Amino acid sequence: MSCSNEYKEARWHNRIIQIALILAPAKNKTGKSVEKRLNQYLNQTQKKLNKEQDQPFVKNLMNYSKGFWKGLFTCYDHPLVPRTNNDLELFFREIKRDHRRITGLRSWNRYIIRHGENVVLTADAIKDKNIQLRIMSINYETYKEVKHQWENRTLEHTKHLRFKKDPKKFPANLEERWLNG
């Protein structure tokens, strides 16, 4: 690598480090102040890195920034919102891995469609030492209501699978069930 390339990459690296410092959490930062500061710095970067060799870096930096802009500053005004979604991604990866291990299936799309948010609830419940007490604390009317919602959701999924299995037979089955009411 030539000295020119090393110098160029060091300048780019320093820009990324500065952006990380701007985005670093601090007590006195607000979403608006960080957004304003980052916007100023990105504009300054576009002006300073104006050579042809810098353009791919600048274009990539601006595209990434634009793509993440909406929602990027929420965590400064709402401390319960995490700065990154890394923990959430790890949680989903664990659930997906467990599903693969149990079923042997690589795709978990049908599993998610069928079970929705309950995937998360059951993954958490399985690890809960007090699960039996939690289940016993649920009132029967609430259970019936949630069960009814669950059946409605799974019914739609079942209809979809029946249609995919035999699209020509599906309307006849519907008509027959409707007539037999």
C-alpha atoms as a PDB file:
ATOM      1  CA  MET A   1       0.000   0.000   0.000  1.00  0.00           C
ATOM      2  CA  SER A   2       1.411   3.410  -0.937  1.00  0.00           C
ATOM      3  CA  CYS A   3       1.793   6.321   1.466  1.00  0.00           C
ATOM      4  CA  SER A   4      -0.960   8.099  -0.440  1.00  0.00           C
ATOM      5  CA  ASN A   5      -3.417   5.258   0.156  1.00  0.00           C
ATOM      6  CA  GLU A   6      -2.439   5.014   3.837  1.00  0.00           C
ATOM      7  CA  TYR A   7      -2.941   8.767   4.264  1.00  0.00           C
ATOM      8  CA  LYS A   8      -6.308   8.626   2.456  1.00  0.00           C
ATOM      9  CA  GLU A   9      -7.545   5.705   4.559  1.00  0.00           C
ATOM     10  CA  ALA A  10      -6.332   7.372   7.767  1.00  0.00           C
ATOM     11  CA  ARG A  11      -8.355  10.489   6.878  1.00  0.00           C
ATOM     12  CA  TRP A  12     -11.431   8.334   6.278  1.00  0.00           C
ATOM     13  CA  HIS A  13     -10.831   6.399   9.490  1.00  0.00           C
ATOM     14  CA  ASN A  14     -10.516   9.648  11.459  1.00  0.00           C
ATOM     15  CA  ARG A  15     -13.849  10.805  10.018  1.00  0.00           C
ATOM     16  CA  ILE A  16     -15.552   7.613  11.215  1.00  0.00           C
ATOM     17  CA  ILE A  17     -13.959   7.988  14.677  1.00  0.00           C
ATOM     18  CA  GLN A  18     -15.254  11.571  14.890  1.00  0.00           C
ATOM     19  CA  ILE A  19     -18.766  10.432  13.947  1.00  0.00           C
ATOM     20  CA  ALA A  20     -18.616   7.777  16.675  1.00  0.00           C
ATOM     21  CA  LEU A  21     -17.611  10.478  19.171  1.00  0.00           C
ATOM     22  CA  ILE A  22     -20.499  12.700  18.073  1.00  0.00           C
ATOM     23  CA  LEU A  23     -22.931   9.786  18.540  1.00  0.00           C
ATOM     24  CA  ALA A  24     -21.412   8.653  21.869  1.00  0.00           C
ATOM     25  CA  PRO A  25     -23.965   8.926  24.694  1.00  0.00           C
ATOM     26  CA  ALA A  26     -23.637  11.670  27.294  1.00  0.00           C
ATOM     27  CA  LYS A  27     -25.995  13.138  29.880  1.00  0.00           C
ATOM     28  CA  ASN A  28     -26.257  16.590  28.320  1.00  0.00           C
ATOM     29  CA  LYS A  29     -26.961  15.400  24.759  1.00  0.00           C
ATOM     30  CA  THR A  30     -30.412  15.654  23.230  1.00  0.00           C
ATOM     31  CA  GLY A  31     -31.654  14.144  20.004  1.00  0.00           C
ATOM     32  CA  LYS A  32     -31.824  17.562  18.353  1.00  0.00           C
ATOM     33  CA  SER A  33     -28.322  18.617  19.446  1.00  0.00           C
ATOM     34  CA  VAL A  34     -26.726  15.360  18.228  1.00  0.00           C
ATOM     35  CA  GLU A  35     -28.671  15.471  14.970  1.00  0.00           C
ATOM     36  CA  LYS A  36     -27.570  19.068  14.366  1.00  0.00           C
ATOM     37  CA  ARG A  37     -23.921  18.317  15.207  1.00  0.00           C
ATOM     38  CA  LEU A  38     -23.809  15.195  13.003  1.00  0.00           C
ATOM     39  CA  ASN A  39     -25.464  17.046  10.120  1.00  0.00           C
ATOM     40  CA  GLN A  40     -22.859  19.822  10.385  1.00  0.00           C
ATOM     41  CA  TYR A  41     -20.035  17.296  10.483  1.00  0.00           C
ATOM     42  CA  LEU A  42     -21.335  15.379   7.460  1.00  0.00           C
ATOM     43  CA  ASN A  43     -21.637  18.630   5.481  1.00  0.00           C
ATOM     44  CA  GLN A  44     -18.107  19.556   6.542  1.00  0.00           C
ATOM     45  CA  THR A  45     -16.894  16.107   5.444  1.00  0.00           C
ATOM     46  CA  GLN A  46     -18.473  16.534   2.009  1.00  0.00           C
ATOM     47  CA  LYS A  47     -16.690  19.875   1.586  1.00  0.00           C
ATOM     48  CA  LYS A  48     -13.282  18.702   2.869  1.00  0.00           C
ATOM     49  CA  LEU A  49     -13.182  15.341   1.103  1.00  0.00           C
ATOM     50  CA  ASN A  50     -13.817  16.720  -2.366  1.00  0.00           C
ATOM     51  CA  LYS A  51     -11.135  14.870  -4.322  1.00  0.00           C
ATOM     52  CA  GLU A  52     -12.187  12.255  -6.848  1.00  0.00           C
ATOM     53  CA  GLN A  53     -10.553   9.449  -4.832  1.00  0.00           C
ATOM     54  CA  ASP A  54     -12.655  10.431  -1.782  1.00  0.00           C
ATOM     55  CA  GLN A  55     -15.990  10.308  -3.602  1.00  0.00           C
ATOM     56  CA  PRO A  56     -16.766   6.585  -3.100  1.00  0.00           C
ATOM     57  CA  PHE A  57     -16.162   6.973   0.653  1.00  0.00           C
ATOM     58  CA  VAL A  58     -18.229  10.177   0.901  1.00  0.00           C
ATOM     59  CA  LYS A  59     -21.079   8.720  -1.168  1.00  0.00           C
ATOM     60  CA  ASN A  60     -21.139   5.564   0.971  1.00  0.00           C
ATOM     61  CA  LEU A  61     -21.020   7.603   4.194  1.00  0.00           C
ATOM     62  CA  MET A  62     -23.875   9.840   3.088  1.00  0.00           C
ATOM     63  CA  ASN A  63     -26.025   6.899   1.922  1.00  0.00           C
ATOM     64  CA  TYR A  64     -25.541   5.037   5.205  1.00  0.00           C
ATOM     65  CA  SER A  65     -26.263   8.164   7.213  1.00  0.00           C
ATOM     66  CA  LYS A  66     -29.421   8.861   5.217  1.00  0.00           C
ATOM     67  CA  GLY A  67     -30.565   5.257   5.634  1.00  0.00           C
ATOM     68  CA  PHE A  68     -30.213   5.305   9.415  1.00  0.00           C
ATOM     69  CA  TRP A  69     -31.161   8.949  10.024  1.00  0.00           C
ATOM     70  CA  LYS A  70     -34.783   8.369  10.978  1.00  0.00           C
ATOM     71  CA  GLY A  71     -34.748   6.986  14.497  1.00  0.00           C
ATOM     72  CA  LEU A  72     -30.996   7.434  14.979  1.00  0.00           C
ATOM     73  CA  PHE A  73     -31.397  10.131  17.625  1.00  0.00           C
ATOM     74  CA  THR A  74     -34.358   8.772  19.611  1.00  0.00           C
ATOM     75  CA  CYS A  75     -32.177   7.162  22.280  1.00  0.00           C
ATOM     76  CA  TYR A  76     -30.905  10.570  23.486  1.00  0.00           C
ATOM     77  CA  ASP A  77     -34.394  11.757  24.420  1.00  0.00           C
ATOM     78  CA  HIS A  78     -35.781   8.401  25.581  1.00  0.00           C
ATOM     79  CA  PRO A  79     -33.275   6.597  27.809  1.00  0.00           C
ATOM     80  CA  LEU A  80     -35.206   3.300  27.735  1.00  0.00           C
ATOM     81  CA  VAL A  81     -34.672   3.010  23.971  1.00  0.00           C
ATOM     82  CA  PRO A  82     -31.335   1.267  23.376  1.00  0.00           C
ATOM     83  CA  ARG A  83     -28.725   2.949  21.187  1.00  0.00           C
ATOM     84  CA  THR A  84     -28.288  -0.192  19.103  1.00  0.00           C
ATOM     85  CA  ASN A  85     -30.432  -3.214  18.359  1.00  0.00           C
ATOM     86  CA  ASN A  86     -27.548  -5.640  18.937  1.00  0.00           C
ATOM     87  CA  ASP A  87     -29.169  -7.262  21.996  1.00  0.00           C
ATOM     88  CA  LEU A  88     -32.433  -7.712  20.119  1.00  0.00           C
ATOM     89  CA  GLU A  89     -30.620  -9.260  17.157  1.00  0.00           C
ATOM     90  CA  LEU A  90     -28.790 -11.675  19.496  1.00  0.00           C
ATOM     91  CA  PHE A  91     -32.089 -12.620  21.134  1.00  0.00           C
ATOM     92  CA  PHE A  92     -33.691 -13.409  17.758  1.00  0.00           C
ATOM     93  CA  ARG A  93     -30.606 -15.350  16.678  1.00  0.00           C
ATOM     94  CA  GLU A  94     -30.915 -17.522  19.811  1.00  0.00           C
ATOM     95  CA  ILE A  95     -34.597 -18.210  19.167  1.00  0.00           C
ATOM     96  CA  LYS A  96     -33.900 -19.006  15.515  1.00  0.00           C
ATOM     97  CA  ARG A  97     -31.022 -21.322  16.455  1.00  0.00           C
ATOM     98  CA  ASP A  98     -33.199 -23.165  18.982  1.00  0.00           C
ATOM     99  CA  HIS A  99     -35.964 -23.558  16.384  1.00  0.00           C
ATOM    100  CA  ARG A 100     -33.481 -25.000  13.877  1.00  0.00           C
ATOM    101  CA  ARG A 101     -32.056 -27.351  16.492  1.00  0.00           C
ATOM    102  CA  ILE A 102     -35.494 -28.648  17.476  1.00  0.00           C
ATOM    103  CA  THR A 103     -37.103 -28.911  14.024  1.00  0.00           C
ATOM    104  CA  GLY A 104     -34.110 -29.366  11.731  1.00  0.00           C
ATOM    105  CA  LEU A 105     -35.596 -26.699   9.436  1.00  0.00           C
ATOM    106  CA  ARG A 106     -33.389 -23.892   8.223  1.00  0.00           C
ATOM    107  CA  SER A 107     -36.244 -21.443   7.572  1.00  0.00           C
ATOM    108  CA  TRP A 108     -38.387 -20.241  10.424  1.00  0.00           C
ATOM    109  CA  ASN A 109     -40.770 -18.083   8.374  1.00  0.00           C
ATOM    110  CA  ARG A 110     -43.805 -20.350   8.855  1.00  0.00           C
ATOM    111  CA  TYR A 111     -43.018 -20.625  12.552  1.00  0.00           C
ATOM    112  CA  ILE A 112     -42.985 -16.837  12.920  1.00  0.00           C
ATOM    113  CA  ILE A 113     -46.129 -16.387  10.815  1.00  0.00           C
ATOM    114  CA  ARG A 114     -48.013 -18.999  12.821  1.00  0.00           C
ATOM    115  CA  HIS A 115     -46.851 -18.076  16.312  1.00  0.00           C
ATOM    116  CA  GLY A 116     -46.001 -14.360  15.996  1.00  0.00           C
ATOM    117  CA  GLU A 117     -45.146 -12.586  19.241  1.00  0.00           C
ATOM    118  CA  ASN A 118     -45.755 -15.775  21.187  1.00  0.00           C
ATOM    119  CA  VAL A 119     -42.358 -16.992  19.992  1.00  0.00           C
ATOM    120  CA  VAL A 120     -40.787 -14.320  22.164  1.00  0.00           C
ATOM    121  CA  LEU A 121     -43.109 -14.929  25.092  1.00  0.00           C
ATOM    122  CA  THR A 122     -42.535 -18.667  25.159  1.00  0.00           C
ATOM    123  CA  ALA A 123     -38.768 -18.300  24.786  1.00  0.00           C
ATOM    124  CA  ASP A 124     -38.812 -16.045  27.842  1.00  0.00           C
ATOM    125  CA  ALA A 125     -41.281 -18.230  29.758  1.00  0.00           C
ATOM    126  CA  ILE A 126     -39.265 -21.412  29.325  1.00  0.00           C
ATOM    127  CA  LYS A 127     -36.377 -19.791  31.208  1.00  0.00           C
ATOM    128  CA  ASP A 128     -38.635 -18.426  33.971  1.00  0.00           C
ATOM    129  CA  LYS A 129     -38.328 -20.300  37.281  1.00  0.00           C
ATOM    130  CA  ASN A 130     -41.780 -19.080  38.347  1.00  0.00           C
ATOM    131  CA  ILE A 131     -43.637 -19.980  35.150  1.00  0.00           C
ATOM    132  CA  GLN A 132     -46.207 -22.135  36.937  1.00  0.00           C
ATOM    133  CA  LEU A 133     -47.152 -19.270  39.285  1.00  0.00           C
ATOM    134  CA  ARG A 134     -47.376 -16.863  36.359  1.00  0.00           C
ATOM    135  CA  ILE A 135     -49.658 -19.202  34.434  1.00  0.00           C
ATOM    136  CA  MET A 136     -51.858 -19.778  37.477  1.00  0.00           C
ATOM    137  CA  SER A 137     -52.254 -16.001  37.915  1.00  0.00           C
ATOM    138  CA  ILE A 138     -53.959 -15.602  34.518  1.00  0.00           C
ATOM    139  CA  ASN A 139     -57.705 -15.215  34.799  1.00  0.00           C
ATOM    140  CA  TYR A 140     -59.803 -17.634  32.750  1.00  0.00           C
ATOM    141  CA  GLU A 141     -61.703 -14.955  30.775  1.00  0.00           C
ATOM    142  CA  THR A 142     -58.407 -13.399  29.653  1.00  0.00           C
ATOM    143  CA  TYR A 143     -57.143 -16.837  28.652  1.00  0.00           C
ATOM    144  CA  LYS A 144     -60.299 -17.494  26.576  1.00  0.00           C
ATOM    145  CA  GLU A 145     -59.990 -14.130  24.823  1.00  0.00           C
ATOM    146  CA  VAL A 146     -56.315 -14.653  23.942  1.00  0.00           C
ATOM    147  CA  LYS A 147     -57.048 -18.231  22.847  1.00  0.00           C
ATOM    148  CA  HIS A 148     -59.784 -16.938  20.528  1.00  0.00           C
ATOM    149  CA  GLN A 149     -57.343 -14.404  18.996  1.00  0.00           C
ATOM    150  CA  TRP A 150     -54.799 -17.182  18.590  1.00  0.00           C
ATOM    151  CA  GLU A 151     -57.308 -19.445  16.836  1.00  0.00           C
ATOM    152  CA  ASN A 152     -58.253 -16.637  14.439  1.00  0.00           C
ATOM    153  CA  ARG A 153     -54.605 -16.078  13.568  1.00  0.00           C
ATOM    154  CA  THR A 154     -53.856 -19.765  13.040  1.00  0.00           C
ATOM    155  CA  LEU A 155     -57.048 -20.189  11.007  1.00  0.00           C
ATOM    156  CA  GLU A 156     -55.774 -17.670   8.459  1.00  0.00           C
ATOM    157  CA  HIS A 157     -52.455 -19.499   8.301  1.00  0.00           C
ATOM    158  CA  THR A 158     -54.233 -22.848   7.882  1.00  0.00           C
ATOM    159  CA  LYS A 159     -56.398 -21.481   5.059  1.00  0.00           C
ATOM    160  CA  HIS A 160     -53.294 -20.195   3.313  1.00  0.00           C
ATOM    161  CA  LEU A 161     -51.576 -23.593   3.579  1.00  0.00           C
ATOM    162  CA  ARG A 162     -54.692 -25.436   2.344  1.00  0.00           C
ATOM    163  CA  PHE A 163     -54.913 -23.117  -0.644  1.00  0.00           C
ATOM    164  CA  LYS A 164     -51.221 -23.578  -1.477  1.00  0.00           C
ATOM    165  CA  LYS A 165     -51.554 -27.348  -1.211  1.00  0.00           C
ATOM    166  CA  ASP A 166     -54.431 -27.608  -3.700  1.00  0.00           C
ATOM    167  CA  PRO A 167     -55.649 -24.280  -5.175  1.00  0.00           C
ATOM    168  CA  LYS A 168     -58.320 -25.949  -7.358  1.00  0.00           C
ATOM    169  CA  LYS A 169     -59.873 -27.911  -4.501  1.00  0.00           C
ATOM    170  CA  PHE A 170     -59.882 -25.016  -2.012  1.00  0.00           C
ATOM    171  CA  PRO A 171     -62.989 -23.130  -3.316  1.00  0.00           C
ATOM    172  CA  ALA A 172     -65.008 -26.363  -3.431  1.00  0.00           C
ATOM    173  CA  ASN A 173     -64.086 -27.105   0.192  1.00  0.00           C
ATOM    174  CA  LEU A 174     -65.108 -23.590   1.225  1.00  0.00           C
ATOM    175  CA  GLU A 175     -68.442 -23.901  -0.583  1.00  0.00           C
ATOM    176  CA  GLU A 176     -69.120 -27.282   1.010  1.00  0.00           C
ATOM    177  CA  ARG A 177     -68.306 -25.988   4.512  1.00  0.00           C
ATOM    178  CA  TRP A 178     -70.492 -22.930   3.914  1.00  0.00           C
ATOM    179  CA  LEU A 179     -73.451 -25.045   2.768  1.00  0.00           C
ATOM    180  CA  ASN A 180     -73.083 -27.411   5.736  1.00  0.00           C
ATOM    181  CA  GLY A 181     -72.744 -24.395   7.998  1.00  0.00           C
END
